[in-house]
Every structure is written in structure tokens, then in C-alpha cells.
Amino acid sequence: MEKIKMEIWSDVFCPYCYIGKTNLEAAIEELGVSDKIELEWKSYQLKPGYKQVPGETANQSLAKHLRITPERARELNQQVSASAAQSGLNFNTDIMVWADSFDAHRLIHFAATKGLSSTLKGSFFKAVFEEGKNLNNSDDLVLIAKSIGLEAEEVVQVLHSDQFSREVRKDIEEAQVFGIQGVPTFVVNREYAFSGAQPKNNFKQVLSQLLAES
């Protein structure tokens, strides 16, 4: 039986992508089908070229991004934190630092060559939403990558070059071709797609059906 390939377009600054990844991986583990599912992480940028403003709070950044008031942004952050808690995640959006995610995506592609893309993706999510790390800071990126077993020297070499930029741009272009306008979006065997931070049981139903049909 061939593996089911699931390509996932997401951004490391998307809270629902973090929740979706957590629920999907929990579903795969509970079903005991990790050897039957191949996950491939695809790059997507919610705010390409984002420029940090010194002293700007996470709520202010979100308000600017969504063109809403900081008060409404705070309410949305509280709501998403409550959703995350249901998946066992401990969001601390008050200390979140928005940044341009391009380099983080490049490193995820690099990690894929070592079989560590899912691990690094998860570490970046945790760094953003739970630890308030700055993914525009090369030192933070190197420390996070090193913590999952990547060689610091190789990570620095990637960051100081243009490596994997083409792969990131290709993912973003493919998203446009497929008409992907929001993340997370899950594409199964290039045959059909669904989006959103699905609950764990939804993922289990989808995966069970796919495996039964394969």
C-alpha cells in the first residue's frame, strides 16, 4: 500500500496552523498509522516582508495586520488561546513577536533534507506562540534549530546564503495556482484539499477513510 501524502500549506505565525498540526499528529499517533502517512510542509506567508516596529505589542501588531482595534485584537488572541488550550497548547500571545517568516521557512526546507521538518516546524510554533522568540533574530533561529539536532554551522550557512529561497517561493506560487487563500490547507495526494484547524477526531475520520480507500 502506498503512503498517503499530505501537503500542508501553513505559516509559523498562524495560530490555527499550530493547532491543526498538533491535532493532526495526535490523530496519526492514536491511529498508529505514522508509517502510512507522509507529511510535507509547504511555505505560506501571511504577512510577507513584515517590518517590526520597536515596542509594538502583539495585540497592536495583530490589530494592524487585520485592520481592527487593539482591543478587538486582544479578544481574538484570547479566543485563539482558549482553542489552543483544548489541544493541550499553552499560548502566551501577550509576548508574541511578529516577524517575517521567510528565513524560518527556508530552515524548514533545510530540515526536510535531514528528516526533521515536522520537528522544526513544531519548535518554531512553540517559539512564537509560547516563548515569545523573535524569528527575525538569527541567533534565535540557530538556537531553535540546534535544539532539535541540526548542526549550528550548517544552519548559519543557510541563513547567510540564498539556499532554499527557491523552494519557499515555489510553495507560495503553488498556493496561488491552487487558489489557497488561507491556512492551514491540507492537500491529499494532489486530489483534494480541506482547510482549517480541524479537531483531532475529524482528522481521525478523514485518515481512516483515506486508508480504507487506498
N, C-alpha and C. Protein backbone atom coordinates (compact mmCIF):
# COMPACT_ATOMS: atom_id res chain seq x y z
N MET A 1 0.84 -1.20 0.00
CA MET A 1 0.00 0.00 0.00
C MET A 1 0.88 1.25 0.00
N GLU A 2 0.60 2.14 -0.93
CA GLU A 2 1.36 3.39 -0.99
C GLU A 2 0.96 4.31 0.15
N LYS A 3 1.93 5.11 0.56
CA LYS A 3 1.65 6.08 1.63
C LYS A 3 0.69 7.16 1.13
N ILE A 4 -0.10 7.65 2.04
CA ILE A 4 -0.93 8.80 1.75
C ILE A 4 -0.06 10.04 1.94
N LYS A 5 0.03 10.85 0.92
CA LYS A 5 0.84 12.07 1.01
C LYS A 5 -0.05 13.26 1.29
N MET A 6 0.28 13.94 2.37
CA MET A 6 -0.48 15.13 2.75
C MET A 6 0.46 16.33 2.75
N GLU A 7 0.22 17.26 1.83
CA GLU A 7 1.00 18.50 1.78
C GLU A 7 0.23 19.57 2.55
N ILE A 8 0.95 20.28 3.42
CA ILE A 8 0.29 21.22 4.32
C ILE A 8 0.89 22.61 4.14
N TRP A 9 0.07 23.52 3.61
CA TRP A 9 0.50 24.91 3.49
C TRP A 9 0.19 25.62 4.81
N SER A 10 1.19 26.26 5.38
CA SER A 10 0.99 26.93 6.67
C SER A 10 2.08 27.96 6.88
N ASP A 11 1.86 28.82 7.86
CA ASP A 11 2.85 29.82 8.25
C ASP A 11 3.12 29.66 9.74
N VAL A 12 4.35 29.90 10.15
CA VAL A 12 4.71 29.74 11.56
C VAL A 12 4.10 30.83 12.43
N PHE A 13 3.49 31.84 11.83
CA PHE A 13 2.79 32.87 12.60
C PHE A 13 1.28 32.70 12.56
N CYS A 14 0.84 31.53 12.12
CA CYS A 14 -0.58 31.21 12.07
C CYS A 14 -0.94 30.33 13.27
N PRO A 15 -1.70 30.84 14.24
CA PRO A 15 -2.02 30.04 15.42
C PRO A 15 -2.84 28.80 15.08
N TYR A 16 -3.73 28.92 14.10
CA TYR A 16 -4.56 27.77 13.75
C TYR A 16 -3.74 26.69 13.03
N CYS A 17 -2.64 27.09 12.41
CA CYS A 17 -1.73 26.11 11.81
C CYS A 17 -1.07 25.27 12.90
N TYR A 18 -0.71 25.91 14.00
CA TYR A 18 -0.12 25.21 15.14
C TYR A 18 -1.13 24.24 15.75
N ILE A 19 -2.35 24.71 15.94
CA ILE A 19 -3.40 23.86 16.49
C ILE A 19 -3.68 22.69 15.54
N GLY A 20 -3.77 22.99 14.24
CA GLY A 20 -4.04 21.95 13.26
C GLY A 20 -2.94 20.90 13.22
N LYS A 21 -1.69 21.33 13.27
CA LYS A 21 -0.56 20.39 13.28
C LYS A 21 -0.63 19.49 14.51
N THR A 22 -0.92 20.09 15.65
CA THR A 22 -1.00 19.32 16.89
C THR A 22 -2.10 18.28 16.83
N ASN A 23 -3.27 18.67 16.34
CA ASN A 23 -4.40 17.74 16.25
C ASN A 23 -4.16 16.64 15.22
N LEU A 24 -3.56 17.01 14.10
CA LEU A 24 -3.27 16.02 13.06
C LEU A 24 -2.28 14.98 13.57
N GLU A 25 -1.22 15.43 14.21
CA GLU A 25 -0.21 14.48 14.69
C GLU A 25 -0.76 13.60 15.81
N ALA A 26 -1.66 14.16 16.63
CA ALA A 26 -2.29 13.36 17.67
C ALA A 26 -3.18 12.28 17.05
N ALA A 27 -3.88 12.64 15.98
CA ALA A 27 -4.73 11.67 15.29
C ALA A 27 -3.91 10.55 14.68
N ILE A 28 -2.80 10.91 14.05
CA ILE A 28 -1.92 9.91 13.44
C ILE A 28 -1.37 8.97 14.51
N GLU A 29 -0.97 9.53 15.65
CA GLU A 29 -0.42 8.70 16.72
C GLU A 29 -1.48 7.77 17.31
N GLU A 30 -2.69 8.27 17.54
CA GLU A 30 -3.73 7.44 18.13
C GLU A 30 -4.17 6.33 17.19
N LEU A 31 -4.13 6.60 15.89
CA LEU A 31 -4.48 5.57 14.91
C LEU A 31 -3.34 4.60 14.66
N GLY A 32 -2.12 4.99 15.07
CA GLY A 32 -0.96 4.13 14.86
C GLY A 32 -0.61 3.98 13.39
N VAL A 33 -0.71 5.07 12.62
CA VAL A 33 -0.51 4.99 11.16
C VAL A 33 0.61 5.90 10.68
N SER A 34 1.57 6.19 11.54
CA SER A 34 2.64 7.10 11.14
C SER A 34 3.44 6.56 9.96
N ASP A 35 3.47 5.24 9.81
CA ASP A 35 4.21 4.64 8.70
C ASP A 35 3.41 4.66 7.40
N LYS A 36 2.17 5.09 7.47
CA LYS A 36 1.30 5.10 6.29
C LYS A 36 0.99 6.51 5.79
N ILE A 37 1.44 7.53 6.54
CA ILE A 37 1.15 8.92 6.20
C ILE A 37 2.46 9.68 6.00
N GLU A 38 2.57 10.35 4.88
CA GLU A 38 3.74 11.21 4.62
C GLU A 38 3.30 12.67 4.65
N LEU A 39 3.90 13.43 5.58
CA LEU A 39 3.58 14.85 5.69
C LEU A 39 4.67 15.68 5.02
N GLU A 40 4.27 16.65 4.25
CA GLU A 40 5.22 17.58 3.64
C GLU A 40 4.76 19.00 3.93
N TRP A 41 5.64 19.77 4.59
CA TRP A 41 5.29 21.12 5.00
C TRP A 41 5.62 22.12 3.89
N LYS A 42 4.60 22.87 3.50
CA LYS A 42 4.73 23.84 2.43
C LYS A 42 4.69 25.27 3.00
N SER A 43 5.47 26.13 2.40
CA SER A 43 5.59 27.50 2.90
C SER A 43 4.42 28.37 2.46
N TYR A 44 4.02 29.24 3.37
CA TYR A 44 2.98 30.24 3.10
C TYR A 44 3.28 31.41 4.02
N GLN A 45 3.13 32.62 3.51
CA GLN A 45 3.39 33.80 4.34
C GLN A 45 2.12 34.64 4.48
N LEU A 46 1.68 34.77 5.71
CA LEU A 46 0.50 35.61 5.97
C LEU A 46 0.83 37.08 5.78
N LYS A 47 2.05 37.45 6.12
CA LYS A 47 2.46 38.86 6.04
C LYS A 47 3.88 38.93 5.49
N PRO A 48 4.07 38.68 4.19
CA PRO A 48 5.42 38.72 3.63
C PRO A 48 6.07 40.09 3.79
N GLY A 49 7.35 40.06 4.14
CA GLY A 49 8.09 41.31 4.28
C GLY A 49 7.70 42.11 5.50
N TYR A 50 7.11 41.47 6.49
CA TYR A 50 6.64 42.20 7.68
C TYR A 50 7.80 42.93 8.35
N LYS A 51 7.59 44.17 8.66
CA LYS A 51 8.60 45.00 9.33
C LYS A 51 8.20 45.23 10.78
N GLN A 52 9.09 44.85 11.67
CA GLN A 52 8.82 45.03 13.09
C GLN A 52 8.89 46.50 13.49
N VAL A 53 8.03 46.86 14.43
CA VAL A 53 8.04 48.20 14.99
C VAL A 53 8.50 48.09 16.44
N PRO A 54 9.64 48.68 16.79
CA PRO A 54 10.13 48.58 18.17
C PRO A 54 9.09 49.00 19.19
N GLY A 55 8.90 48.16 20.19
CA GLY A 55 7.96 48.48 21.25
C GLY A 55 6.51 48.14 20.96
N GLU A 56 6.23 47.69 19.76
CA GLU A 56 4.85 47.35 19.39
C GLU A 56 4.45 46.03 20.05
N THR A 57 3.28 46.01 20.68
CA THR A 57 2.81 44.80 21.33
C THR A 57 2.22 43.83 20.32
N ALA A 58 2.04 42.58 20.76
CA ALA A 58 1.45 41.57 19.89
C ALA A 58 0.04 41.95 19.48
N ASN A 59 -0.72 42.52 20.41
CA ASN A 59 -2.08 42.93 20.09
C ASN A 59 -2.09 44.07 19.07
N GLN A 60 -1.15 44.99 19.20
CA GLN A 60 -1.05 46.08 18.24
C GLN A 60 -0.65 45.56 16.86
N SER A 61 0.26 44.60 16.82
CA SER A 61 0.68 44.01 15.55
C SER A 61 -0.48 43.32 14.87
N LEU A 62 -1.24 42.54 15.64
CA LEU A 62 -2.39 41.84 15.07
C LEU A 62 -3.45 42.83 14.61
N ALA A 63 -3.65 43.89 15.38
CA ALA A 63 -4.63 44.90 15.01
C ALA A 63 -4.26 45.54 13.68
N LYS A 64 -2.98 45.82 13.51
CA LYS A 64 -2.52 46.42 12.26
C LYS A 64 -2.68 45.44 11.10
N HIS A 65 -2.38 44.17 11.36
CA HIS A 65 -2.48 43.14 10.32
C HIS A 65 -3.92 42.95 9.86
N LEU A 66 -4.86 42.93 10.81
CA LEU A 66 -6.26 42.68 10.48
C LEU A 66 -7.08 43.96 10.30
N ARG A 67 -6.44 45.12 10.57
CA ARG A 67 -7.11 46.41 10.46
C ARG A 67 -8.31 46.49 11.40
N ILE A 68 -8.02 46.14 12.66
CA ILE A 68 -9.03 46.22 13.71
C ILE A 68 -8.43 46.97 14.89
N THR A 69 -9.20 47.18 15.93
CA THR A 69 -8.68 47.87 17.10
C THR A 69 -7.83 46.93 17.96
N PRO A 70 -6.89 47.46 18.72
CA PRO A 70 -6.10 46.61 19.63
C PRO A 70 -6.97 45.85 20.63
N GLU A 71 -8.08 46.45 21.04
CA GLU A 71 -8.99 45.79 21.98
C GLU A 71 -9.61 44.55 21.33
N ARG A 72 -10.04 44.70 20.08
CA ARG A 72 -10.60 43.55 19.37
C ARG A 72 -9.52 42.51 19.12
N ALA A 73 -8.32 42.94 18.84
CA ALA A 73 -7.20 42.01 18.64
C ALA A 73 -6.95 41.20 19.91
N ARG A 74 -7.02 41.87 21.05
CA ARG A 74 -6.81 41.17 22.34
C ARG A 74 -7.89 40.10 22.53
N GLU A 75 -9.12 40.44 22.18
CA GLU A 75 -10.21 39.47 22.31
C GLU A 75 -9.96 38.25 21.41
N LEU A 76 -9.51 38.50 20.18
CA LEU A 76 -9.23 37.40 19.26
C LEU A 76 -8.09 36.53 19.77
N ASN A 77 -7.06 37.16 20.32
CA ASN A 77 -5.95 36.40 20.88
C ASN A 77 -6.40 35.53 22.05
N GLN A 78 -7.30 36.07 22.86
CA GLN A 78 -7.82 35.29 23.98
C GLN A 78 -8.64 34.10 23.49
N GLN A 79 -9.41 34.33 22.42
CA GLN A 79 -10.21 33.24 21.86
C GLN A 79 -9.33 32.14 21.28
N VAL A 80 -8.28 32.52 20.56
CA VAL A 80 -7.43 31.51 19.95
C VAL A 80 -6.63 30.78 21.02
N SER A 81 -6.28 31.47 22.10
CA SER A 81 -5.57 30.83 23.20
C SER A 81 -6.45 29.77 23.86
N ALA A 82 -7.74 30.06 23.97
CA ALA A 82 -8.69 29.10 24.54
C ALA A 82 -8.81 27.88 23.64
N SER A 83 -8.84 28.10 22.33
CA SER A 83 -8.90 26.98 21.38
C SER A 83 -7.63 26.14 21.46
N ALA A 84 -6.49 26.81 21.58
CA ALA A 84 -5.22 26.10 21.68
C ALA A 84 -5.16 25.24 22.93
N ALA A 85 -5.71 25.76 24.03
CA ALA A 85 -5.70 25.01 25.29
C ALA A 85 -6.44 23.69 25.16
N GLN A 86 -7.47 23.64 24.33
CA GLN A 86 -8.22 22.40 24.13
C GLN A 86 -7.36 21.33 23.45
N SER A 87 -6.30 21.77 22.77
CA SER A 87 -5.37 20.84 22.13
C SER A 87 -4.11 20.62 22.96
N GLY A 88 -4.14 21.12 24.20
CA GLY A 88 -3.00 20.93 25.09
C GLY A 88 -1.88 21.92 24.90
N LEU A 89 -2.16 23.03 24.21
CA LEU A 89 -1.14 24.04 23.95
C LEU A 89 -1.32 25.22 24.90
N ASN A 90 -0.22 25.81 25.29
CA ASN A 90 -0.24 26.92 26.25
C ASN A 90 0.24 28.19 25.56
N PHE A 91 -0.68 28.85 24.86
CA PHE A 91 -0.33 30.08 24.14
C PHE A 91 -0.08 31.22 25.13
N ASN A 92 0.88 32.06 24.79
CA ASN A 92 1.13 33.29 25.53
C ASN A 92 1.26 34.41 24.51
N THR A 93 0.13 34.80 23.95
CA THR A 93 0.15 35.76 22.84
C THR A 93 0.58 37.15 23.27
N ASP A 94 0.55 37.43 24.57
CA ASP A 94 0.98 38.76 25.03
C ASP A 94 2.46 39.01 24.75
N ILE A 95 3.26 37.95 24.67
CA ILE A 95 4.69 38.11 24.44
C ILE A 95 5.10 37.72 23.02
N MET A 96 4.12 37.42 22.19
CA MET A 96 4.41 37.02 20.82
C MET A 96 5.09 38.16 20.06
N VAL A 97 6.09 37.80 19.26
CA VAL A 97 6.81 38.78 18.44
C VAL A 97 6.58 38.46 16.97
N TRP A 98 5.88 39.34 16.28
CA TRP A 98 5.66 39.14 14.86
C TRP A 98 6.95 39.41 14.08
N ALA A 99 7.13 38.66 13.00
CA ALA A 99 8.34 38.83 12.18
C ALA A 99 8.07 38.32 10.77
N ASP A 100 9.01 38.56 9.90
CA ASP A 100 8.98 37.99 8.55
C ASP A 100 9.37 36.52 8.67
N SER A 101 8.57 35.63 8.12
CA SER A 101 8.80 34.19 8.31
C SER A 101 9.63 33.54 7.21
N PHE A 102 10.16 34.33 6.28
CA PHE A 102 10.83 33.74 5.13
C PHE A 102 12.02 32.86 5.53
N ASP A 103 12.87 33.37 6.42
CA ASP A 103 14.04 32.58 6.83
C ASP A 103 13.64 31.32 7.59
N ALA A 104 12.61 31.42 8.39
CA ALA A 104 12.12 30.24 9.10
C ALA A 104 11.67 29.17 8.11
N HIS A 105 10.97 29.58 7.06
CA HIS A 105 10.54 28.64 6.03
C HIS A 105 11.74 28.02 5.31
N ARG A 106 12.76 28.83 5.06
CA ARG A 106 13.97 28.28 4.42
C ARG A 106 14.58 27.18 5.29
N LEU A 107 14.62 27.43 6.60
CA LEU A 107 15.21 26.44 7.51
C LEU A 107 14.35 25.18 7.61
N ILE A 108 13.05 25.32 7.48
CA ILE A 108 12.19 24.13 7.48
C ILE A 108 12.49 23.27 6.26
N HIS A 109 12.71 23.90 5.12
CA HIS A 109 13.11 23.15 3.93
C HIS A 109 14.47 22.48 4.13
N PHE A 110 15.38 23.19 4.76
CA PHE A 110 16.68 22.60 5.07
C PHE A 110 16.50 21.40 6.01
N ALA A 111 15.68 21.56 7.03
CA ALA A 111 15.44 20.47 7.98
C ALA A 111 14.83 19.25 7.28
N ALA A 112 14.05 19.48 6.23
CA ALA A 112 13.45 18.37 5.48
C ALA A 112 14.52 17.46 4.89
N THR A 113 15.67 18.03 4.54
CA THR A 113 16.76 17.21 3.98
C THR A 113 17.37 16.31 5.04
N LYS A 114 17.07 16.58 6.30
CA LYS A 114 17.57 15.77 7.42
C LYS A 114 16.45 14.95 8.07
N GLY A 115 15.25 15.01 7.48
CA GLY A 115 14.13 14.30 8.06
C GLY A 115 13.56 14.94 9.31
N LEU A 116 13.78 16.26 9.47
CA LEU A 116 13.39 16.94 10.71
C LEU A 116 12.45 18.13 10.48
N SER A 117 11.79 18.16 9.34
CA SER A 117 10.96 19.33 9.04
C SER A 117 9.79 19.47 10.01
N SER A 118 9.10 18.37 10.33
CA SER A 118 7.97 18.45 11.25
C SER A 118 8.42 18.87 12.64
N THR A 119 9.58 18.36 13.05
CA THR A 119 10.11 18.71 14.36
C THR A 119 10.46 20.18 14.44
N LEU A 120 11.13 20.70 13.42
CA LEU A 120 11.50 22.12 13.43
C LEU A 120 10.27 23.00 13.32
N LYS A 121 9.31 22.58 12.50
CA LYS A 121 8.07 23.35 12.38
C LYS A 121 7.41 23.50 13.75
N GLY A 122 7.34 22.39 14.48
CA GLY A 122 6.73 22.43 15.80
C GLY A 122 7.51 23.31 16.76
N SER A 123 8.83 23.27 16.67
CA SER A 123 9.67 24.09 17.55
C SER A 123 9.51 25.57 17.24
N PHE A 124 9.36 25.90 15.97
CA PHE A 124 9.13 27.30 15.60
C PHE A 124 7.77 27.77 16.11
N PHE A 125 6.75 26.93 15.99
CA PHE A 125 5.44 27.29 16.51
C PHE A 125 5.52 27.57 18.02
N LYS A 126 6.17 26.66 18.74
CA LYS A 126 6.29 26.84 20.18
C LYS A 126 7.06 28.11 20.51
N ALA A 127 8.13 28.36 19.76
CA ALA A 127 8.94 29.55 20.00
C ALA A 127 8.13 30.82 19.83
N VAL A 128 7.26 30.84 18.83
CA VAL A 128 6.45 32.03 18.55
C VAL A 128 5.33 32.20 19.56
N PHE A 129 4.53 31.16 19.72
CA PHE A 129 3.27 31.30 20.47
C PHE A 129 3.38 31.03 21.97
N GLU A 130 4.46 30.38 22.39
CA GLU A 130 4.58 30.08 23.81
C GLU A 130 5.78 30.76 24.47
N GLU A 131 6.82 31.03 23.69
CA GLU A 131 8.05 31.53 24.28
C GLU A 131 8.41 32.95 23.89
N GLY A 132 7.69 33.53 22.94
CA GLY A 132 7.95 34.91 22.54
C GLY A 132 9.30 35.13 21.87
N LYS A 133 9.79 34.10 21.16
CA LYS A 133 11.07 34.24 20.46
C LYS A 133 10.89 35.07 19.20
N ASN A 134 11.99 35.69 18.77
CA ASN A 134 11.98 36.56 17.60
C ASN A 134 12.58 35.82 16.41
N LEU A 135 11.75 35.43 15.46
CA LEU A 135 12.23 34.67 14.31
C LEU A 135 12.88 35.55 13.25
N ASN A 136 13.00 36.84 13.53
CA ASN A 136 13.85 37.69 12.69
C ASN A 136 15.26 37.76 13.24
N ASN A 137 15.47 37.15 14.38
CA ASN A 137 16.78 37.15 15.04
C ASN A 137 17.51 35.85 14.69
N SER A 138 18.63 35.98 13.99
CA SER A 138 19.37 34.80 13.54
C SER A 138 19.82 33.93 14.71
N ASP A 139 20.18 34.55 15.82
CA ASP A 139 20.63 33.78 16.99
C ASP A 139 19.51 32.89 17.51
N ASP A 140 18.29 33.44 17.55
CA ASP A 140 17.15 32.63 17.99
C ASP A 140 16.90 31.48 17.03
N LEU A 141 16.97 31.75 15.74
CA LEU A 141 16.75 30.70 14.74
C LEU A 141 17.78 29.58 14.88
N VAL A 142 19.02 29.95 15.08
CA VAL A 142 20.08 28.96 15.21
C VAL A 142 19.89 28.12 16.47
N LEU A 143 19.56 28.77 17.57
CA LEU A 143 19.36 28.04 18.83
C LEU A 143 18.20 27.06 18.74
N ILE A 144 17.12 27.49 18.10
CA ILE A 144 15.96 26.61 17.95
C ILE A 144 16.32 25.41 17.07
N ALA A 145 16.98 25.68 15.96
CA ALA A 145 17.38 24.60 15.05
C ALA A 145 18.35 23.64 15.72
N LYS A 146 19.28 24.19 16.47
CA LYS A 146 20.27 23.36 17.17
C LYS A 146 19.61 22.48 18.21
N SER A 147 18.55 22.99 18.85
CA SER A 147 17.88 22.25 19.91
C SER A 147 17.21 20.97 19.43
N ILE A 148 16.94 20.87 18.12
CA ILE A 148 16.31 19.66 17.59
C ILE A 148 17.31 18.74 16.90
N GLY A 149 18.60 19.11 16.96
CA GLY A 149 19.63 18.23 16.43
C GLY A 149 20.28 18.65 15.13
N LEU A 150 19.92 19.82 14.62
CA LEU A 150 20.59 20.33 13.42
C LEU A 150 21.94 20.94 13.81
N GLU A 151 22.89 20.86 12.89
CA GLU A 151 24.22 21.40 13.14
C GLU A 151 24.19 22.93 13.01
N ALA A 152 24.65 23.61 14.04
CA ALA A 152 24.61 25.07 14.06
C ALA A 152 25.36 25.67 12.88
N GLU A 153 26.50 25.07 12.53
CA GLU A 153 27.30 25.61 11.44
C GLU A 153 26.54 25.55 10.11
N GLU A 154 25.82 24.46 9.91
CA GLU A 154 25.05 24.32 8.67
C GLU A 154 23.89 25.30 8.65
N VAL A 155 23.25 25.50 9.79
CA VAL A 155 22.14 26.43 9.88
C VAL A 155 22.61 27.85 9.58
N VAL A 156 23.74 28.24 10.16
CA VAL A 156 24.30 29.56 9.91
C VAL A 156 24.62 29.73 8.43
N GLN A 157 25.15 28.68 7.83
CA GLN A 157 25.49 28.74 6.41
C GLN A 157 24.24 28.98 5.56
N VAL A 158 23.14 28.30 5.90
CA VAL A 158 21.89 28.51 5.17
C VAL A 158 21.41 29.95 5.34
N LEU A 159 21.44 30.44 6.57
CA LEU A 159 20.93 31.79 6.84
C LEU A 159 21.76 32.86 6.14
N HIS A 160 23.04 32.62 5.97
CA HIS A 160 23.93 33.59 5.34
C HIS A 160 24.01 33.42 3.83
N SER A 161 23.11 32.62 3.29
CA SER A 161 23.09 32.38 1.85
C SER A 161 21.67 32.56 1.34
N ASP A 162 21.46 32.16 0.09
CA ASP A 162 20.13 32.21 -0.50
C ASP A 162 19.53 30.81 -0.62
N GLN A 163 20.15 29.85 0.08
CA GLN A 163 19.70 28.47 -0.01
C GLN A 163 18.24 28.32 0.40
N PHE A 164 17.53 27.50 -0.36
CA PHE A 164 16.14 27.14 -0.12
C PHE A 164 15.14 28.29 -0.34
N SER A 165 15.64 29.43 -0.82
CA SER A 165 14.72 30.51 -1.16
C SER A 165 13.82 30.12 -2.32
N ARG A 166 14.40 29.43 -3.28
CA ARG A 166 13.62 29.00 -4.45
C ARG A 166 12.49 28.07 -4.04
N GLU A 167 12.79 27.16 -3.09
CA GLU A 167 11.78 26.22 -2.63
C GLU A 167 10.62 26.94 -1.93
N VAL A 168 10.96 27.94 -1.12
CA VAL A 168 9.91 28.70 -0.43
C VAL A 168 9.03 29.42 -1.45
N ARG A 169 9.66 30.07 -2.40
CA ARG A 169 8.89 30.82 -3.41
C ARG A 169 8.04 29.87 -4.26
N LYS A 170 8.55 28.68 -4.54
CA LYS A 170 7.78 27.71 -5.32
C LYS A 170 6.53 27.30 -4.56
N ASP A 171 6.66 27.06 -3.26
CA ASP A 171 5.49 26.71 -2.45
C ASP A 171 4.44 27.81 -2.51
N ILE A 172 4.89 29.04 -2.37
CA ILE A 172 3.96 30.18 -2.37
C ILE A 172 3.28 30.31 -3.73
N GLU A 173 4.04 30.10 -4.80
CA GLU A 173 3.46 30.15 -6.14
C GLU A 173 2.44 29.04 -6.34
N GLU A 174 2.75 27.84 -5.82
CA GLU A 174 1.81 26.72 -5.94
C GLU A 174 0.52 27.03 -5.19
N ALA A 175 0.64 27.66 -4.04
CA ALA A 175 -0.55 28.02 -3.28
C ALA A 175 -1.46 28.92 -4.12
N GLN A 176 -0.86 29.84 -4.85
CA GLN A 176 -1.64 30.74 -5.71
C GLN A 176 -2.30 29.96 -6.84
N VAL A 177 -1.57 29.01 -7.42
CA VAL A 177 -2.11 28.19 -8.50
C VAL A 177 -3.30 27.37 -8.01
N PHE A 178 -3.19 26.83 -6.80
CA PHE A 178 -4.25 26.01 -6.23
C PHE A 178 -5.40 26.84 -5.66
N GLY A 179 -5.22 28.16 -5.63
CA GLY A 179 -6.26 29.01 -5.10
C GLY A 179 -6.33 29.02 -3.59
N ILE A 180 -5.22 28.69 -2.94
CA ILE A 180 -5.18 28.69 -1.48
C ILE A 180 -5.11 30.13 -0.99
N GLN A 181 -6.09 30.52 -0.20
CA GLN A 181 -6.16 31.89 0.30
C GLN A 181 -6.10 31.96 1.82
N GLY A 182 -6.05 30.83 2.46
CA GLY A 182 -5.96 30.79 3.92
C GLY A 182 -5.28 29.51 4.36
N VAL A 183 -4.73 29.55 5.55
CA VAL A 183 -4.02 28.39 6.07
C VAL A 183 -4.48 28.10 7.50
N PRO A 184 -4.34 26.82 7.92
CA PRO A 184 -3.69 25.72 7.20
C PRO A 184 -4.59 25.14 6.10
N THR A 185 -3.97 24.71 5.03
CA THR A 185 -4.66 23.99 3.97
C THR A 185 -3.94 22.66 3.75
N PHE A 186 -4.72 21.58 3.73
CA PHE A 186 -4.19 20.23 3.62
C PHE A 186 -4.56 19.67 2.25
N VAL A 187 -3.57 19.28 1.46
CA VAL A 187 -3.80 18.73 0.13
C VAL A 187 -3.40 17.26 0.16
N VAL A 188 -4.35 16.38 -0.15
CA VAL A 188 -4.14 14.94 -0.05
C VAL A 188 -3.91 14.34 -1.43
N ASN A 189 -2.72 13.78 -1.62
CA ASN A 189 -2.36 13.10 -2.88
C ASN A 189 -2.65 13.95 -4.12
N ARG A 190 -2.63 15.26 -3.94
CA ARG A 190 -2.91 16.20 -5.04
C ARG A 190 -4.27 15.96 -5.68
N GLU A 191 -5.18 15.35 -4.88
CA GLU A 191 -6.50 15.02 -5.41
C GLU A 191 -7.59 15.90 -4.82
N TYR A 192 -7.50 16.17 -3.52
CA TYR A 192 -8.48 17.07 -2.93
C TYR A 192 -7.86 17.75 -1.72
N ALA A 193 -8.53 18.78 -1.25
CA ALA A 193 -7.97 19.59 -0.17
C ALA A 193 -9.06 19.98 0.83
N PHE A 194 -8.63 20.27 2.04
CA PHE A 194 -9.52 20.83 3.06
C PHE A 194 -8.68 21.78 3.90
N SER A 195 -9.34 22.65 4.62
CA SER A 195 -8.61 23.68 5.35
C SER A 195 -9.14 23.84 6.76
N GLY A 196 -8.37 24.58 7.55
CA GLY A 196 -8.78 24.89 8.91
C GLY A 196 -8.16 23.98 9.95
N ALA A 197 -8.17 24.46 11.18
CA ALA A 197 -7.63 23.69 12.31
C ALA A 197 -8.67 22.67 12.76
N GLN A 198 -8.73 21.56 12.06
CA GLN A 198 -9.73 20.55 12.35
C GLN A 198 -9.50 19.91 13.72
N PRO A 199 -10.57 19.53 14.41
CA PRO A 199 -10.40 18.78 15.66
C PRO A 199 -9.74 17.44 15.40
N LYS A 200 -9.16 16.87 16.42
CA LYS A 200 -8.46 15.59 16.29
C LYS A 200 -9.36 14.50 15.72
N ASN A 201 -10.59 14.42 16.20
CA ASN A 201 -11.48 13.36 15.74
C ASN A 201 -11.83 13.52 14.26
N ASN A 202 -11.90 14.75 13.79
CA ASN A 202 -12.13 14.97 12.35
C ASN A 202 -10.97 14.40 11.54
N PHE A 203 -9.75 14.68 12.00
CA PHE A 203 -8.59 14.13 11.31
C PHE A 203 -8.61 12.60 11.33
N LYS A 204 -9.01 12.03 12.44
CA LYS A 204 -9.04 10.57 12.54
C LYS A 204 -10.04 9.99 11.55
N GLN A 205 -11.19 10.65 11.40
CA GLN A 205 -12.19 10.17 10.45
C GLN A 205 -11.68 10.26 9.02
N VAL A 206 -11.05 11.40 8.70
CA VAL A 206 -10.52 11.59 7.34
C VAL A 206 -9.44 10.57 7.03
N LEU A 207 -8.50 10.41 7.96
CA LEU A 207 -7.40 9.48 7.74
C LEU A 207 -7.89 8.04 7.64
N SER A 208 -8.84 7.66 8.48
CA SER A 208 -9.38 6.30 8.44
C SER A 208 -10.05 6.02 7.11
N GLN A 209 -10.79 7.01 6.60
CA GLN A 209 -11.45 6.84 5.31
C GLN A 209 -10.43 6.72 4.18
N LEU A 210 -9.40 7.59 4.24
CA LEU A 210 -8.37 7.54 3.20
C LEU A 210 -7.65 6.19 3.19
N LEU A 211 -7.34 5.69 4.38
CA LEU A 211 -6.63 4.42 4.47
C LEU A 211 -7.51 3.25 4.01
N ALA A 212 -8.78 3.36 4.28
CA ALA A 212 -9.70 2.30 3.85
C ALA A 212 -9.84 2.26 2.34
N GLU A 213 -9.72 3.43 1.71
CA GLU A 213 -9.88 3.51 0.26
C GLU A 213 -8.60 3.24 -0.49
N SER A 214 -7.47 3.27 0.19
CA SER A 214 -6.18 3.12 -0.50
C SER A 214 -5.81 1.65 -0.72
